[in-house]
């Protein structure tokens, strides 16, 4: 099991990197109401660039840290084909064999900037805290995955990852818990809503995600609040979360400067899952919540509950 004490500086480096990327998202918010025409053009024609800045930070499409750089020993680097012809990069990292969560795999969906390599310190801490396995999917158009990102494509990618885990002999009988940060939360909600009836997913973990992209625009681009209807990348999590029935953990950074915390609180209120857990992180902003005290402890307790329930 990785030494968790050595992971905090790595997590802080990840937070710093993602915070730099987040500044890209804040740029439109400084625009004045005098350039509504420009905002209209940006929102309609360039919204994919704004919503999926896969080139941020610099070299994010080519410089992907590998598990070996973080002292992982038991892992696979994978290339997985999608039904529409793309090839997705992924890491499958095994936790300690024989532990309580050795038959539990966390399917991890990251936020809208960077790549899976940038989140390896998070995977390290997840495994250290819980003993689970971690499957890290790279969306199309991110890292070394082929294609161009959009809402429909990322939904295909998420389904591809789940199908891969269900078809793979090693993970076929694993409990699968979906974990999504920010945009990844929207990806995860959609995947769970579509697949929960089959029993394929045992739980959902959400961190700092939003009600919908149209409802987020007024916070990120205030002058464009009347133009939100032009957003064709909708991500309607607020309409899907009421259908979620699997246990759900909500990790909310109360200092989030990108996604107002009220979005997470409202998702929690809308959720009708028989088991739902609210974990506020008082000092956490959009990217630093992961280093807040209690973050990984909350995940460990949540996963323990899932494991215990399914043993009964």
Protein backbone atom coordinates (compact mmCIF):
# COMPACT_ATOMS: atom_id res chain seq x y z
CA UNK A 1 0.00 0.00 0.00
CA UNK A 2 1.46 3.43 -0.88
CA UNK A 3 2.69 5.64 1.94
CA UNK A 4 -0.02 8.28 2.29
CA UNK A 5 2.25 10.67 4.15
CA UNK A 6 4.43 11.04 1.09
CA UNK A 7 1.45 11.86 -1.11
CA UNK A 8 0.44 15.24 0.32
CA UNK A 9 3.17 17.23 -1.52
CA UNK A 10 2.14 15.42 -4.71
CA UNK A 11 -1.50 16.32 -4.11
CA UNK A 12 -0.55 19.93 -3.50
CA UNK A 13 1.34 19.95 -6.80
CA UNK A 14 -1.77 18.60 -8.55
CA UNK A 15 -3.92 21.28 -6.91
CA UNK A 16 -1.50 24.00 -8.03
CA UNK A 17 -1.53 22.68 -11.58
CA UNK A 18 -5.30 22.48 -11.76
CA UNK A 19 -5.69 25.91 -10.17
CA UNK A 20 -3.58 27.37 -12.96
CA UNK A 21 -5.86 25.66 -15.46
CA UNK A 22 -8.93 26.99 -13.66
CA UNK A 23 -7.78 30.55 -14.26
CA UNK A 24 -8.51 29.90 -17.95
CA UNK A 25 -12.17 29.37 -17.06
CA UNK A 26 -12.34 32.63 -15.14
CA UNK A 27 -11.15 34.76 -18.06
CA UNK A 28 -14.62 35.19 -19.64
CA UNK A 29 -16.00 36.35 -16.29
CA UNK A 30 -14.01 39.60 -16.45
CA UNK A 31 -15.66 40.62 -19.70
CA UNK A 32 -17.93 43.67 -19.62
CA UNK A 33 -21.50 43.85 -20.84
CA UNK A 34 -20.26 45.99 -23.72
CA UNK A 35 -19.02 42.96 -25.62
CA UNK A 36 -22.16 40.83 -25.61
CA UNK A 37 -21.73 40.10 -29.31
CA UNK A 38 -18.29 38.64 -28.66
CA UNK A 39 -19.65 36.60 -25.77
CA UNK A 40 -22.46 35.32 -27.95
CA UNK A 41 -19.99 34.13 -30.55
CA UNK A 42 -17.78 32.54 -27.89
CA UNK A 43 -20.68 30.81 -26.20
CA UNK A 44 -22.14 29.35 -29.36
CA UNK A 45 -19.19 28.69 -31.63
CA UNK A 46 -16.34 28.23 -29.15
CA UNK A 47 -18.11 26.71 -26.19
CA UNK A 48 -16.40 23.35 -26.66
CA UNK A 49 -13.04 25.08 -26.35
CA UNK A 50 -14.21 26.82 -23.17
CA UNK A 51 -15.86 23.77 -21.61
CA UNK A 52 -13.23 21.20 -22.61
CA UNK A 53 -9.82 22.96 -22.44
CA UNK A 54 -7.90 19.73 -22.97
CA UNK A 55 -4.80 21.69 -24.00
CA UNK A 56 -4.59 23.32 -20.55
CA UNK A 57 -2.08 23.28 -18.88
CA UNK A 58 0.65 23.49 -21.51
CA UNK A 59 1.53 20.16 -23.15
CA UNK A 60 -1.40 18.38 -21.51
CA UNK A 61 -2.07 16.51 -24.77
CA UNK A 62 1.44 15.09 -24.98
CA UNK A 63 2.95 15.13 -21.49
CA UNK A 64 1.02 12.54 -19.50
CA UNK A 65 2.63 11.41 -16.24
CA UNK A 66 2.71 7.62 -15.89
CA UNK A 67 2.00 5.44 -12.85
CA UNK A 68 5.63 4.38 -12.61
CA UNK A 69 6.55 7.99 -11.84
CA UNK A 70 4.48 7.74 -8.66
CA UNK A 71 5.93 4.41 -7.54
CA UNK A 72 2.93 2.31 -8.49
CA UNK A 73 4.02 -1.28 -9.06
CA UNK A 74 0.84 -3.14 -9.94
CA UNK A 75 -0.88 -1.41 -12.84
CA UNK A 76 -1.66 -1.53 -16.55
CA UNK A 77 -1.58 1.20 -19.17
CA UNK A 78 -4.41 0.54 -21.62
CA UNK A 79 -5.78 1.69 -24.96
CA UNK A 80 -9.50 0.97 -25.26
CA UNK A 81 -11.53 1.36 -28.48
CA UNK A 82 -14.96 3.02 -28.49
CA UNK A 83 -17.95 2.04 -30.61
CA UNK A 84 -17.48 5.14 -32.76
CA UNK A 85 -13.84 4.49 -33.59
CA UNK A 86 -11.87 6.48 -30.99
CA UNK A 87 -9.05 5.07 -28.88
CA UNK A 88 -9.02 5.97 -25.20
CA UNK A 89 -6.06 5.92 -22.87
CA UNK A 90 -6.62 4.48 -19.40
CA UNK A 91 -4.77 3.32 -16.29
CA UNK A 92 -5.88 0.35 -14.22
CA UNK A 93 -4.13 0.48 -10.85
CA UNK A 94 -4.55 -2.37 -8.38
CA UNK A 95 -4.80 -1.89 -4.67
CA UNK A 96 -3.46 -4.40 -2.15
CA UNK A 97 -4.60 -7.90 -3.00
CA UNK A 98 -6.71 -9.72 -0.43
CA UNK A 99 -7.96 -6.63 1.41
CA UNK A 100 -11.55 -5.70 2.21
CA UNK A 101 -11.81 -3.59 -0.97
CA UNK A 102 -9.69 -5.71 -3.29
CA UNK A 103 -12.89 -6.57 -5.18
CA UNK A 104 -13.96 -2.92 -5.46
CA UNK A 105 -12.89 -0.69 -8.34
CA UNK A 106 -13.33 3.07 -8.39
CA UNK A 107 -14.06 4.34 -11.91
CA UNK A 108 -12.55 7.83 -11.94
CA UNK A 109 -13.69 10.71 -14.17
CA UNK A 110 -11.59 13.88 -13.95
CA UNK A 111 -12.43 17.55 -14.39
CA UNK A 112 -12.35 19.51 -17.63
CA UNK A 113 -8.64 20.38 -17.81
CA UNK A 114 -5.43 18.38 -17.63
CA UNK A 115 -5.16 14.62 -18.08
CA UNK A 116 -5.32 11.39 -16.08
CA UNK A 117 -1.62 11.56 -15.29
CA UNK A 118 -2.16 14.79 -13.39
CA UNK A 119 -4.60 12.93 -11.09
CA UNK A 120 -2.29 10.05 -10.20
CA UNK A 121 -1.58 11.55 -6.74
CA UNK A 122 -5.33 11.39 -6.08
CA UNK A 123 -5.40 7.74 -7.12
CA UNK A 124 -2.45 7.11 -4.81
CA UNK A 125 -4.32 8.60 -1.86
CA UNK A 126 -7.53 6.74 -2.73
CA UNK A 127 -5.70 3.43 -2.69
CA UNK A 128 -3.80 4.29 0.50
CA UNK A 129 -7.00 5.30 2.29
CA UNK A 130 -9.31 2.56 1.05
CA UNK A 131 -7.37 -0.33 -0.48
CA UNK A 132 -9.55 -0.19 -3.61
CA UNK A 133 -8.50 -0.54 -7.24
CA UNK A 134 -8.68 2.55 -9.46
CA UNK A 135 -9.58 2.73 -13.15
CA UNK A 136 -8.67 6.13 -14.63
CA UNK A 137 -10.26 6.91 -17.99
CA UNK A 138 -8.96 9.55 -20.37
CA UNK A 139 -11.72 11.23 -22.35
CA UNK A 140 -11.52 11.60 -26.12
CA UNK A 141 -9.43 14.60 -27.11
CA UNK A 142 -7.57 14.59 -23.78
CA UNK A 143 -4.07 13.32 -23.14
CA UNK A 144 -3.17 10.77 -25.77
CA UNK A 145 -6.77 9.70 -26.45
CA UNK A 146 -7.96 10.35 -29.98
CA UNK A 147 -10.92 12.45 -31.02
CA UNK A 148 -12.55 15.73 -30.03
CA UNK A 149 -14.45 16.15 -26.75
CA UNK A 150 -18.14 16.94 -26.58
CA UNK A 151 -21.07 15.88 -24.40
CA UNK A 152 -22.19 12.99 -26.59
CA UNK A 153 -18.65 11.72 -27.01
CA UNK A 154 -17.77 11.81 -23.31
CA UNK A 155 -20.94 9.86 -22.53
CA UNK A 156 -19.81 7.20 -25.02
CA UNK A 157 -16.39 7.18 -23.37
CA UNK A 158 -17.87 6.65 -19.90
CA UNK A 159 -20.01 3.77 -21.14
CA UNK A 160 -16.96 2.28 -22.86
CA UNK A 161 -15.07 2.31 -19.55
CA UNK A 162 -17.90 0.64 -17.64
CA UNK A 163 -18.40 -1.98 -20.36
CA UNK A 164 -14.67 -2.69 -20.33
CA UNK A 165 -14.70 -3.32 -16.57
CA UNK A 166 -17.76 -5.54 -16.90
CA UNK A 167 -16.26 -7.55 -19.76
CA UNK A 168 -12.79 -7.91 -18.22
CA UNK A 169 -12.40 -11.24 -16.37
CA UNK A 170 -10.51 -9.67 -13.46
CA UNK A 171 -13.11 -7.00 -12.71
CA UNK A 172 -16.30 -8.69 -13.91
CA UNK A 173 -17.41 -9.43 -10.35
CA UNK A 174 -16.07 -6.25 -8.76
CA UNK A 175 -18.26 -3.66 -7.13
CA UNK A 176 -17.92 -0.52 -9.26
CA UNK A 177 -18.10 2.91 -7.63
CA UNK A 178 -18.12 5.93 -9.96
CA UNK A 179 -16.12 8.96 -8.78
CA UNK A 180 -16.39 12.26 -10.65
CA UNK A 181 -14.80 15.64 -10.04
CA UNK A 182 -16.45 18.77 -11.50
CA UNK A 183 -17.24 17.90 -15.15
CA UNK A 184 -16.45 14.31 -14.23
CA UNK A 185 -19.36 14.44 -11.80
CA UNK A 186 -21.73 15.23 -14.65
CA UNK A 187 -20.23 12.36 -16.65
CA UNK A 188 -20.68 10.07 -13.67
CA UNK A 189 -24.29 11.06 -12.97
CA UNK A 190 -25.24 10.33 -16.57
CA UNK A 191 -23.49 6.95 -16.52
CA UNK A 192 -25.08 5.87 -13.23
CA UNK A 193 -28.55 7.00 -14.31
CA UNK A 194 -28.26 4.90 -17.44
CA UNK A 195 -26.78 1.76 -15.88
CA UNK A 196 -27.95 1.46 -12.29
CA UNK A 197 -30.95 -0.72 -13.11
CA UNK A 198 -28.61 -3.48 -14.28
CA UNK A 199 -26.84 -3.56 -10.93
CA UNK A 200 -23.57 -2.68 -12.62
CA UNK A 201 -22.79 0.24 -10.28
CA UNK A 202 -22.67 0.12 -6.48
CA UNK A 203 -22.12 3.78 -5.62
CA UNK A 204 -21.46 7.33 -6.80
CA UNK A 205 -19.03 9.94 -5.43
CA UNK A 206 -19.41 13.56 -6.58
CA UNK A 207 -17.01 16.41 -5.94
CA UNK A 208 -17.72 20.07 -6.82
CA UNK A 209 -19.99 19.42 -9.76
CA UNK A 210 -22.79 21.58 -11.17
CA UNK A 211 -26.53 21.47 -11.75
CA UNK A 212 -26.19 21.95 -15.51
CA UNK A 213 -23.90 23.85 -17.81
CA UNK A 214 -26.66 26.33 -18.62
CA UNK A 215 -27.16 27.05 -14.92
CA UNK A 216 -23.41 27.40 -14.39
CA UNK A 217 -22.86 29.97 -17.17
CA UNK A 218 -24.28 32.95 -15.21
CA UNK A 219 -21.62 32.31 -12.51
CA UNK A 220 -18.67 31.75 -14.86
CA UNK A 221 -19.68 34.35 -17.48
CA UNK A 222 -22.01 36.86 -15.77
CA UNK A 223 -22.48 39.10 -18.84
CA UNK A 224 -23.69 36.04 -20.75
CA UNK A 225 -26.42 35.05 -18.32
CA UNK A 226 -29.13 35.85 -20.85
CA UNK A 227 -27.36 33.79 -23.49
CA UNK A 228 -27.23 30.51 -21.58
CA UNK A 229 -29.89 29.05 -23.87
CA UNK A 230 -27.25 29.05 -26.62
CA UNK A 231 -25.25 26.44 -24.72
CA UNK A 232 -25.61 23.14 -26.58
CA UNK A 233 -23.34 21.25 -24.15
CA UNK A 234 -26.07 20.92 -21.53
CA UNK A 235 -25.00 18.26 -19.00
CA UNK A 236 -28.42 18.25 -17.25
CA UNK A 237 -27.36 16.70 -13.94
CA UNK A 238 -30.20 18.38 -12.08
CA UNK A 239 -32.76 16.41 -14.09
CA UNK A 240 -30.87 13.11 -13.75
CA UNK A 241 -29.84 13.15 -10.07
CA UNK A 242 -33.42 12.51 -8.84
CA UNK A 243 -33.31 9.15 -10.66
CA UNK A 244 -30.16 7.99 -8.86
CA UNK A 245 -30.84 5.12 -6.47
CA UNK A 246 -27.32 3.96 -5.56
CA UNK A 247 -25.55 5.28 -2.43
CA UNK A 248 -24.15 8.73 -3.21
CA UNK A 249 -21.47 10.81 -1.49
CA UNK A 250 -21.37 14.58 -2.03
CA UNK A 251 -17.97 16.25 -1.39
CA UNK A 252 -18.46 20.02 -1.48
CA UNK A 253 -15.73 22.65 -1.22
CA UNK A 254 -17.48 25.60 0.39
CA UNK A 255 -14.97 28.08 -1.06
CA UNK A 256 -15.45 26.87 -4.64
CA UNK A 257 -14.81 29.86 -6.91
CA UNK A 258 -15.81 28.11 -10.16
CA UNK A 259 -18.93 26.12 -9.27
CA UNK A 260 -20.93 27.90 -6.55
CA UNK A 261 -21.40 25.49 -3.61
CA UNK A 262 -25.17 25.97 -3.88
CA UNK A 263 -25.01 23.74 -6.99
CA UNK A 264 -23.72 20.80 -4.94
CA UNK A 265 -26.18 21.48 -2.15
CA UNK A 266 -29.07 21.54 -4.59
CA UNK A 267 -27.91 18.28 -6.21
CA UNK A 268 -27.86 16.73 -2.74
CA UNK A 269 -31.39 17.97 -2.07
CA UNK A 270 -32.63 16.67 -5.42
CA UNK A 271 -31.04 13.26 -4.91
CA UNK A 272 -33.54 10.61 -3.79
CA UNK A 273 -31.06 7.80 -3.17
CA UNK A 274 -31.92 5.82 0.00
CA UNK A 275 -28.34 6.45 1.16
CA UNK A 276 -26.85 9.87 0.52
CA UNK A 277 -24.03 11.54 2.44
CA UNK A 278 -23.22 15.27 2.59
CA UNK A 279 -19.57 16.12 3.33
CA UNK A 280 -18.84 19.87 3.42
CA UNK A 281 -15.19 20.91 3.14
CA UNK A 282 -15.10 24.40 4.69
CA UNK A 283 -11.74 25.50 3.28
CA UNK A 284 -11.91 23.73 -0.06
CA UNK A 285 -12.06 25.64 -3.33
CA UNK A 286 -12.72 24.11 -6.74
CA UNK A 287 -9.38 22.33 -6.94
CA UNK A 288 -8.09 22.24 -3.36
CA UNK A 289 -10.96 20.28 -1.82
CA UNK A 290 -8.96 17.12 -2.32
CA UNK A 291 -6.39 18.24 0.25
CA UNK A 292 -8.94 19.24 2.86
CA UNK A 293 -8.99 17.34 6.13
CA UNK A 294 -11.52 14.54 6.05
CA UNK A 295 -11.75 14.22 2.26
CA UNK A 296 -10.30 10.72 1.88
CA UNK A 297 -11.64 9.64 5.27
CA UNK A 298 -15.15 10.41 4.02
CA UNK A 299 -14.55 8.31 0.90
CA UNK A 300 -13.12 5.45 2.97
CA UNK A 301 -16.15 5.45 5.28
CA UNK A 302 -18.50 5.62 2.31
CA UNK A 303 -16.84 2.67 0.57
CA UNK A 304 -16.79 0.71 3.81
CA UNK A 305 -20.55 1.16 4.02
CA UNK A 306 -21.00 -0.14 0.48
CA UNK A 307 -18.82 -3.17 1.15
CA UNK A 308 -20.61 -3.92 4.42
CA UNK A 309 -24.08 -3.57 2.88
CA UNK A 310 -23.28 -5.91 0.03
CA UNK A 311 -21.85 -8.54 2.39
CA UNK A 312 -25.17 -8.77 4.24
